[in-house]
N, C-alpha and C. Protein backbone atom coordinates (compact mmCIF):
# COMPACT_ATOMS: atom_id res chain seq x y z
N MET A 1 6.14 9.75 4.09
CA MET A 1 7.19 8.79 4.19
C MET A 1 8.25 9.01 3.11
N LEU A 2 7.83 9.34 1.90
CA LEU A 2 8.79 9.60 0.83
C LEU A 2 9.60 10.87 1.10
N LEU A 3 8.93 11.88 1.61
CA LEU A 3 9.66 13.09 1.98
C LEU A 3 10.65 12.81 3.10
N LYS A 4 10.26 11.95 4.01
CA LYS A 4 11.11 11.59 5.15
C LYS A 4 12.42 10.97 4.69
N VAL A 5 12.39 10.21 3.59
CA VAL A 5 13.61 9.57 3.09
C VAL A 5 14.27 10.37 1.97
N GLY A 6 13.79 11.58 1.73
CA GLY A 6 14.46 12.48 0.79
C GLY A 6 14.01 12.38 -0.66
N ARG A 7 12.82 11.88 -0.92
CA ARG A 7 12.31 11.78 -2.28
C ARG A 7 11.13 12.70 -2.47
N HIS A 8 11.03 13.26 -3.64
CA HIS A 8 9.91 14.14 -3.98
C HIS A 8 8.74 13.26 -4.43
N PRO A 9 7.58 13.35 -3.78
CA PRO A 9 6.48 12.44 -4.09
C PRO A 9 5.85 12.65 -5.47
N TYR A 10 6.18 13.74 -6.16
CA TYR A 10 5.58 14.02 -7.46
C TYR A 10 6.37 13.44 -8.62
N PHE A 11 7.58 12.98 -8.37
CA PHE A 11 8.41 12.42 -9.44
C PHE A 11 8.28 10.91 -9.42
N GLY A 12 7.57 10.35 -10.40
CA GLY A 12 7.34 8.91 -10.42
C GLY A 12 8.08 8.21 -11.53
N PHE A 13 8.15 6.91 -11.41
CA PHE A 13 8.78 6.08 -12.43
C PHE A 13 7.74 5.44 -13.32
N ILE A 14 6.74 4.83 -12.71
CA ILE A 14 5.71 4.12 -13.45
C ILE A 14 4.61 5.07 -13.89
N HIS A 15 4.11 5.86 -12.96
CA HIS A 15 2.97 6.72 -13.24
C HIS A 15 3.36 8.04 -13.90
N GLY A 16 4.62 8.36 -13.97
CA GLY A 16 5.05 9.59 -14.62
C GLY A 16 4.79 10.81 -13.78
N SER A 17 5.50 11.88 -14.06
CA SER A 17 5.39 13.08 -13.23
C SER A 17 4.54 14.18 -13.86
N GLU A 18 3.95 13.92 -15.02
CA GLU A 18 3.16 14.97 -15.67
C GLU A 18 1.76 15.10 -15.11
N ARG A 19 1.35 14.22 -14.21
CA ARG A 19 -0.02 14.20 -13.71
C ARG A 19 -0.28 15.25 -12.64
N ASN A 20 0.76 15.92 -12.15
CA ASN A 20 0.62 16.92 -11.09
C ASN A 20 -0.04 16.29 -9.85
N GLN A 21 0.33 15.05 -9.61
CA GLN A 21 -0.14 14.34 -8.43
C GLN A 21 1.07 13.64 -7.82
N GLY A 22 0.84 12.95 -6.73
CA GLY A 22 1.92 12.23 -6.06
C GLY A 22 2.28 10.95 -6.80
N SER A 23 2.89 11.06 -7.97
CA SER A 23 3.16 9.90 -8.83
C SER A 23 4.03 8.85 -8.13
N LEU A 24 5.05 9.28 -7.40
CA LEU A 24 5.90 8.32 -6.72
C LEU A 24 5.13 7.63 -5.59
N VAL A 25 4.21 8.33 -5.00
CA VAL A 25 3.34 7.72 -3.99
C VAL A 25 2.54 6.58 -4.62
N PHE A 26 1.99 6.83 -5.81
CA PHE A 26 1.24 5.79 -6.51
C PHE A 26 2.15 4.62 -6.89
N ASP A 27 3.38 4.92 -7.31
CA ASP A 27 4.34 3.86 -7.64
C ASP A 27 4.62 2.98 -6.43
N MET A 28 4.82 3.59 -5.28
CA MET A 28 5.14 2.83 -4.07
C MET A 28 3.95 2.00 -3.60
N LYS A 29 2.76 2.54 -3.69
CA LYS A 29 1.60 1.80 -3.17
C LYS A 29 1.18 0.68 -4.11
N GLU A 30 1.56 0.76 -5.37
CA GLU A 30 1.16 -0.26 -6.35
C GLU A 30 1.57 -1.66 -5.91
N LYS A 31 2.78 -1.79 -5.38
CA LYS A 31 3.30 -3.10 -4.97
C LYS A 31 2.57 -3.66 -3.75
N PHE A 32 1.96 -2.80 -2.98
CA PHE A 32 1.35 -3.22 -1.72
C PHE A 32 -0.18 -3.30 -1.80
N ARG A 33 -0.74 -2.91 -2.91
CA ARG A 33 -2.19 -2.93 -3.05
C ARG A 33 -2.73 -4.36 -2.97
N ALA A 34 -2.12 -5.28 -3.71
CA ALA A 34 -2.62 -6.67 -3.71
C ALA A 34 -2.50 -7.34 -2.34
N PRO A 35 -1.32 -7.30 -1.69
CA PRO A 35 -1.23 -8.02 -0.42
C PRO A 35 -2.00 -7.40 0.74
N PHE A 36 -2.23 -6.10 0.71
CA PHE A 36 -2.86 -5.47 1.85
C PHE A 36 -4.26 -4.92 1.56
N GLY A 37 -4.52 -4.45 0.38
CA GLY A 37 -5.83 -3.91 0.05
C GLY A 37 -6.75 -4.93 -0.59
N ASP A 38 -6.31 -5.46 -1.72
CA ASP A 38 -7.13 -6.43 -2.46
C ASP A 38 -7.41 -7.67 -1.63
N ARG A 39 -6.40 -8.15 -0.92
CA ARG A 39 -6.55 -9.35 -0.11
C ARG A 39 -7.63 -9.15 0.97
N LEU A 40 -7.65 -7.97 1.56
CA LEU A 40 -8.66 -7.66 2.58
C LEU A 40 -10.06 -7.70 1.97
N ILE A 41 -10.24 -7.04 0.84
CA ILE A 41 -11.56 -6.95 0.22
C ILE A 41 -12.03 -8.32 -0.27
N PHE A 42 -11.17 -9.06 -0.94
CA PHE A 42 -11.57 -10.39 -1.41
C PHE A 42 -11.82 -11.33 -0.24
N GLY A 43 -11.07 -11.16 0.84
CA GLY A 43 -11.32 -11.95 2.04
C GLY A 43 -12.69 -11.68 2.62
N MET A 44 -13.10 -10.42 2.62
CA MET A 44 -14.43 -10.06 3.10
C MET A 44 -15.51 -10.70 2.23
N PHE A 45 -15.33 -10.64 0.93
CA PHE A 45 -16.30 -11.26 0.02
C PHE A 45 -16.33 -12.77 0.22
N GLY A 46 -15.16 -13.38 0.45
CA GLY A 46 -15.08 -14.81 0.68
C GLY A 46 -15.80 -15.25 1.95
N ARG A 47 -15.91 -14.35 2.91
CA ARG A 47 -16.63 -14.65 4.16
C ARG A 47 -18.11 -14.29 4.06
N GLY A 48 -18.57 -14.01 2.84
CA GLY A 48 -20.00 -13.77 2.62
C GLY A 48 -20.44 -12.33 2.71
N PHE A 49 -19.53 -11.40 2.87
CA PHE A 49 -19.92 -10.00 2.97
C PHE A 49 -20.32 -9.46 1.61
N ARG A 50 -21.43 -8.77 1.56
CA ARG A 50 -21.89 -8.12 0.33
C ARG A 50 -22.21 -6.67 0.64
N PRO A 51 -21.52 -5.75 -0.03
CA PRO A 51 -21.77 -4.33 0.25
C PRO A 51 -23.15 -3.89 -0.22
N LYS A 52 -23.70 -2.95 0.48
CA LYS A 52 -24.97 -2.35 0.08
C LYS A 52 -24.65 -1.12 -0.77
N ILE A 53 -25.36 -1.02 -1.87
CA ILE A 53 -25.15 0.09 -2.79
C ILE A 53 -26.24 1.13 -2.55
N GLY A 54 -25.81 2.37 -2.44
CA GLY A 54 -26.75 3.46 -2.20
C GLY A 54 -27.13 4.18 -3.48
N SER A 55 -27.58 5.39 -3.32
CA SER A 55 -27.98 6.20 -4.47
C SER A 55 -26.77 6.48 -5.37
N TYR A 56 -27.03 6.66 -6.63
CA TYR A 56 -26.02 6.90 -7.66
C TYR A 56 -24.99 5.77 -7.74
N ASN A 57 -25.37 4.57 -7.27
CA ASN A 57 -24.51 3.38 -7.30
C ASN A 57 -23.22 3.54 -6.50
N PHE A 58 -23.23 4.37 -5.48
CA PHE A 58 -22.09 4.51 -4.59
C PHE A 58 -22.20 3.49 -3.46
N ILE A 59 -21.05 3.06 -2.96
CA ILE A 59 -21.03 2.15 -1.82
C ILE A 59 -21.50 2.92 -0.59
N ARG A 60 -22.34 2.31 0.20
CA ARG A 60 -22.91 2.97 1.37
C ARG A 60 -21.84 3.21 2.44
N THR A 61 -22.08 4.20 3.25
CA THR A 61 -21.13 4.64 4.27
C THR A 61 -20.78 3.53 5.25
N ALA A 62 -21.73 2.69 5.63
CA ALA A 62 -21.46 1.61 6.58
C ALA A 62 -20.39 0.66 6.03
N PHE A 63 -20.44 0.36 4.73
CA PHE A 63 -19.43 -0.51 4.13
C PHE A 63 -18.08 0.19 4.11
N LYS A 64 -18.06 1.48 3.82
CA LYS A 64 -16.80 2.22 3.83
C LYS A 64 -16.17 2.18 5.21
N ARG A 65 -16.99 2.28 6.24
CA ARG A 65 -16.48 2.20 7.62
C ARG A 65 -15.87 0.83 7.89
N GLN A 66 -16.57 -0.22 7.46
CA GLN A 66 -16.06 -1.58 7.66
C GLN A 66 -14.73 -1.77 6.93
N LEU A 67 -14.63 -1.25 5.73
CA LEU A 67 -13.38 -1.34 4.98
C LEU A 67 -12.25 -0.60 5.71
N ALA A 68 -12.55 0.61 6.16
CA ALA A 68 -11.54 1.40 6.86
C ALA A 68 -11.08 0.70 8.14
N LEU A 69 -12.02 0.14 8.88
CA LEU A 69 -11.67 -0.57 10.11
C LEU A 69 -10.83 -1.81 9.80
N GLY A 70 -11.24 -2.59 8.82
CA GLY A 70 -10.49 -3.78 8.44
C GLY A 70 -9.09 -3.43 7.95
N PHE A 71 -8.99 -2.39 7.14
CA PHE A 71 -7.69 -1.97 6.64
C PHE A 71 -6.81 -1.47 7.78
N SER A 72 -7.39 -0.70 8.69
CA SER A 72 -6.64 -0.18 9.82
C SER A 72 -6.07 -1.30 10.68
N LYS A 73 -6.88 -2.33 10.94
CA LYS A 73 -6.40 -3.48 11.71
C LYS A 73 -5.27 -4.19 10.99
N ARG A 74 -5.45 -4.41 9.71
CA ARG A 74 -4.42 -5.11 8.93
C ARG A 74 -3.15 -4.28 8.83
N TRP A 75 -3.28 -2.99 8.72
CA TRP A 75 -2.15 -2.08 8.56
C TRP A 75 -1.28 -2.03 9.81
N SER A 76 -1.89 -2.19 10.97
CA SER A 76 -1.12 -2.10 12.21
C SER A 76 -0.64 -3.46 12.71
N LYS A 77 -1.13 -4.55 12.11
CA LYS A 77 -0.74 -5.89 12.53
C LYS A 77 0.67 -6.22 12.03
N LYS A 78 1.52 -6.66 12.93
CA LYS A 78 2.88 -7.02 12.56
C LYS A 78 2.86 -8.38 11.85
N ILE A 79 3.68 -8.47 10.80
CA ILE A 79 3.77 -9.70 10.03
C ILE A 79 5.23 -10.10 9.89
N ALA A 80 5.46 -11.37 9.61
CA ALA A 80 6.83 -11.85 9.40
C ALA A 80 7.32 -11.37 8.04
N TRP A 81 8.49 -10.79 8.05
CA TRP A 81 9.11 -10.31 6.80
C TRP A 81 10.62 -10.32 6.97
N ARG A 82 11.28 -11.08 6.16
CA ARG A 82 12.74 -11.19 6.17
C ARG A 82 13.28 -11.45 7.59
N SER A 83 12.78 -12.46 8.21
CA SER A 83 13.15 -12.92 9.55
C SER A 83 12.94 -11.88 10.65
N LYS A 84 12.04 -10.94 10.40
CA LYS A 84 11.67 -9.93 11.40
C LYS A 84 10.16 -9.83 11.43
N THR A 85 9.63 -9.15 12.41
CA THR A 85 8.20 -8.83 12.40
C THR A 85 8.05 -7.32 12.31
N MET A 86 7.26 -6.90 11.33
CA MET A 86 7.07 -5.47 11.07
C MET A 86 5.64 -5.23 10.63
N SER A 87 5.20 -4.00 10.79
CA SER A 87 3.90 -3.61 10.26
C SER A 87 4.08 -3.29 8.78
N PRO A 88 2.98 -3.33 8.02
CA PRO A 88 3.09 -2.94 6.60
C PRO A 88 3.68 -1.52 6.42
N ALA A 89 3.34 -0.61 7.32
CA ALA A 89 3.88 0.75 7.22
C ALA A 89 5.41 0.74 7.35
N GLU A 90 5.92 -0.08 8.27
CA GLU A 90 7.38 -0.17 8.44
C GLU A 90 8.04 -0.81 7.22
N ILE A 91 7.37 -1.79 6.62
CA ILE A 91 7.91 -2.42 5.42
C ILE A 91 7.98 -1.42 4.28
N ILE A 92 6.93 -0.64 4.10
CA ILE A 92 6.92 0.36 3.02
C ILE A 92 8.01 1.40 3.26
N GLU A 93 8.21 1.79 4.50
CA GLU A 93 9.27 2.75 4.79
C GLU A 93 10.63 2.15 4.43
N ARG A 94 10.84 0.89 4.75
CA ARG A 94 12.09 0.22 4.38
C ARG A 94 12.26 0.19 2.86
N LYS A 95 11.16 -0.08 2.14
CA LYS A 95 11.24 -0.12 0.69
C LYS A 95 11.55 1.26 0.12
N ALA A 96 11.04 2.31 0.75
CA ALA A 96 11.35 3.68 0.31
C ALA A 96 12.84 3.98 0.50
N VAL A 97 13.40 3.54 1.62
CA VAL A 97 14.84 3.72 1.87
C VAL A 97 15.63 2.96 0.81
N ASN A 98 15.20 1.72 0.50
CA ASN A 98 15.87 0.94 -0.55
C ASN A 98 15.81 1.63 -1.90
N LEU A 99 14.67 2.26 -2.20
CA LEU A 99 14.52 2.98 -3.46
C LEU A 99 15.51 4.14 -3.55
N VAL A 100 15.65 4.87 -2.46
CA VAL A 100 16.61 5.98 -2.43
C VAL A 100 18.02 5.46 -2.66
N LYS A 101 18.37 4.36 -2.01
CA LYS A 101 19.71 3.78 -2.20
C LYS A 101 19.92 3.35 -3.65
N LEU A 102 18.88 2.81 -4.27
CA LEU A 102 18.98 2.40 -5.67
C LEU A 102 19.23 3.61 -6.56
N VAL A 103 18.46 4.67 -6.37
CA VAL A 103 18.60 5.88 -7.19
C VAL A 103 19.98 6.49 -7.02
N LYS A 104 20.52 6.44 -5.80
CA LYS A 104 21.86 6.99 -5.53
C LYS A 104 22.97 6.00 -5.89
N ARG A 105 22.58 4.83 -6.39
CA ARG A 105 23.52 3.75 -6.73
C ARG A 105 24.36 3.31 -5.53
N GLU A 106 23.67 3.23 -4.40
CA GLU A 106 24.34 2.80 -3.16
C GLU A 106 23.81 1.45 -2.68
N GLY A 107 22.92 0.84 -3.43
CA GLY A 107 22.36 -0.43 -3.00
C GLY A 107 21.40 -0.98 -4.03
N ALA A 108 20.85 -2.11 -3.71
CA ALA A 108 19.90 -2.78 -4.61
C ALA A 108 18.49 -2.65 -4.07
N TYR A 109 17.54 -2.82 -4.96
CA TYR A 109 16.13 -2.79 -4.57
C TYR A 109 15.55 -4.15 -4.87
N HIS A 110 14.99 -4.79 -3.84
CA HIS A 110 14.33 -6.08 -4.01
C HIS A 110 12.85 -5.87 -3.72
N PRO A 111 11.99 -6.29 -4.64
CA PRO A 111 10.57 -6.03 -4.46
C PRO A 111 9.99 -6.80 -3.28
N TYR A 112 8.91 -6.28 -2.76
CA TYR A 112 8.17 -6.97 -1.69
C TYR A 112 7.47 -8.17 -2.29
N ARG A 113 7.59 -9.29 -1.63
CA ARG A 113 6.91 -10.50 -2.08
C ARG A 113 5.94 -10.96 -1.01
N MET A 114 4.72 -11.15 -1.42
CA MET A 114 3.66 -11.55 -0.51
C MET A 114 3.76 -13.05 -0.24
N ARG A 115 3.58 -13.41 1.00
CA ARG A 115 3.55 -14.83 1.35
C ARG A 115 2.16 -15.38 1.08
N GLY A 116 2.09 -16.64 0.73
CA GLY A 116 0.83 -17.30 0.40
C GLY A 116 -0.05 -17.54 1.51
């Protein structure tokens, strides 16, 4: 998605570019981790789900599958955002476009705000 909007994924603002990883990717996902990732996991725990721990204290494969399925459903579900309905992927793409405009000094960047 970052390449699609003309940004190099290795040049980051928060995580820095010396890590030889997709630093800008980490910067972009940081804002969305709480509303889409953490909220899903805490919601599962709130509904009584307890993961089973396997050998070497790793989470068992069945729990990983449940997480992936839950995340996939949440990721494709359209939500209300700025008087429109969009999937989280579409919102992140919009935020990437806004970031490019900010860097080029052609627009402003407004952070994503999670609804309660």
